[in-house]
Protein backbone atom coordinates (compact mmCIF):
# COMPACT_ATOMS: atom_id res chain seq x y z
CA MET A 1 43.87 -46.26 4.20
CA ARG A 2 40.75 -48.25 3.17
CA VAL A 3 38.89 -51.08 5.38
CA GLU A 4 36.65 -53.72 3.85
CA THR A 5 34.69 -56.37 5.78
CA PHE A 6 33.24 -59.50 4.76
CA THR A 7 29.52 -58.20 5.30
CA GLY A 8 30.38 -55.28 2.22
CA LEU A 9 30.96 -52.20 5.16
CA VAL A 10 33.84 -49.97 3.51
CA TYR A 11 35.91 -47.20 4.97
CA ASP A 12 37.96 -45.22 2.73
CA GLU A 13 39.56 -42.14 3.83
CA ALA A 14 39.21 -40.57 0.84
CA ASP A 15 35.84 -40.94 0.30
CA PRO A 16 34.31 -37.35 1.98
CA GLN A 17 31.08 -39.44 3.38
CA CYS A 18 33.72 -41.99 5.40
CA LEU A 19 34.66 -40.37 8.51
CA CYS A 20 36.93 -41.55 11.71
CA HIS A 21 36.70 -39.80 15.20
CA LEU A 22 38.92 -40.47 17.81
CA PHE A 23 38.33 -39.44 21.43
CA THR A 24 40.00 -40.76 24.58
CA SER A 25 37.78 -41.69 27.85
CA GLN A 26 39.20 -42.73 31.32
CA GLY A 27 42.62 -43.67 30.03
CA LYS A 28 41.23 -45.78 26.64
CA ALA A 29 40.70 -44.44 23.09
CA TYR A 30 37.45 -44.76 21.47
CA GLY A 31 36.97 -44.81 17.32
CA PHE A 32 33.63 -43.75 15.87
CA ILE A 33 33.73 -44.53 12.32
CA GLN A 34 31.47 -44.06 9.71
CA ALA A 35 31.65 -46.20 6.55
CA ILE A 36 29.95 -46.93 3.92
CA ASP A 37 27.08 -50.14 3.48
CA THR A 38 27.24 -51.51 0.16
CA GLY A 39 25.29 -54.33 0.41
CA PHE A 40 26.14 -57.57 -0.42
CA ASP A 41 25.68 -57.07 -3.32
CA GLY A 42 28.28 -53.93 -3.31
CA GLN A 43 25.90 -51.29 -5.13
CA GLN A 44 24.40 -49.32 -2.14
CA ARG A 45 26.03 -46.54 -0.42
CA TYR A 46 24.57 -46.00 3.02
CA PRO A 47 26.41 -44.72 5.61
CA ALA A 48 26.48 -47.00 8.53
CA ARG A 49 28.16 -46.05 11.71
CA TYR A 50 29.93 -48.26 14.44
CA TRP A 51 32.19 -47.28 17.42
CA GLY A 52 34.76 -49.46 19.70
CA GLU A 53 37.98 -49.65 21.28
CA TYR A 54 40.74 -47.82 19.31
CA CYS A 55 44.16 -49.11 18.92
CA HIS A 56 46.48 -45.87 17.49
CA ASP A 57 49.48 -48.46 16.72
CA ALA A 58 47.39 -50.18 14.69
CA PRO A 59 44.61 -48.38 12.99
CA GLU A 60 43.78 -50.18 10.02
CA ALA A 61 43.09 -53.41 12.50
CA SER A 62 41.12 -51.01 15.09
CA ILE A 63 38.90 -49.84 12.11
CA HIS A 64 38.25 -53.34 10.86
CA ARG A 65 37.75 -54.87 14.28
CA ILE A 66 35.03 -51.82 14.85
CA LEU A 67 33.21 -52.69 11.90
CA SER A 68 33.63 -56.04 12.30
CA SER A 69 32.37 -55.79 15.77
CA GLY A 70 31.69 -52.56 17.32
CA GLY A 71 28.45 -50.75 18.93
CA LYS A 72 25.97 -49.05 16.14
CA TRP A 73 25.76 -45.53 16.85
CA PRO A 74 22.84 -43.77 14.92
CA GLN A 75 22.75 -39.78 13.55
CA LEU A 76 21.88 -37.90 15.96
CA PRO A 77 19.36 -35.39 15.31
CA GLY A 78 20.57 -32.33 13.82
CA GLY A 79 24.16 -33.79 13.46
CA GLU A 80 26.31 -34.78 10.13
CA SER A 81 24.74 -36.48 7.24
């Protein structure tokens, strides 16, 4: 699966820098997505992390929605890069 936004965020499950962690809490599913921010020129490669509600029946739409309007989450000290 590959998801791209108009703002230059790319989630490609074949890219080892892209991550999708799913968790359930209080009866809702949440996705924590690490994508690549390619910038408006498409030449950058910075990790970008967003989270939001996730629907297992619509994974591509869920990831797109999270990347487009989800909350940001930082890299935590001692966490993965």
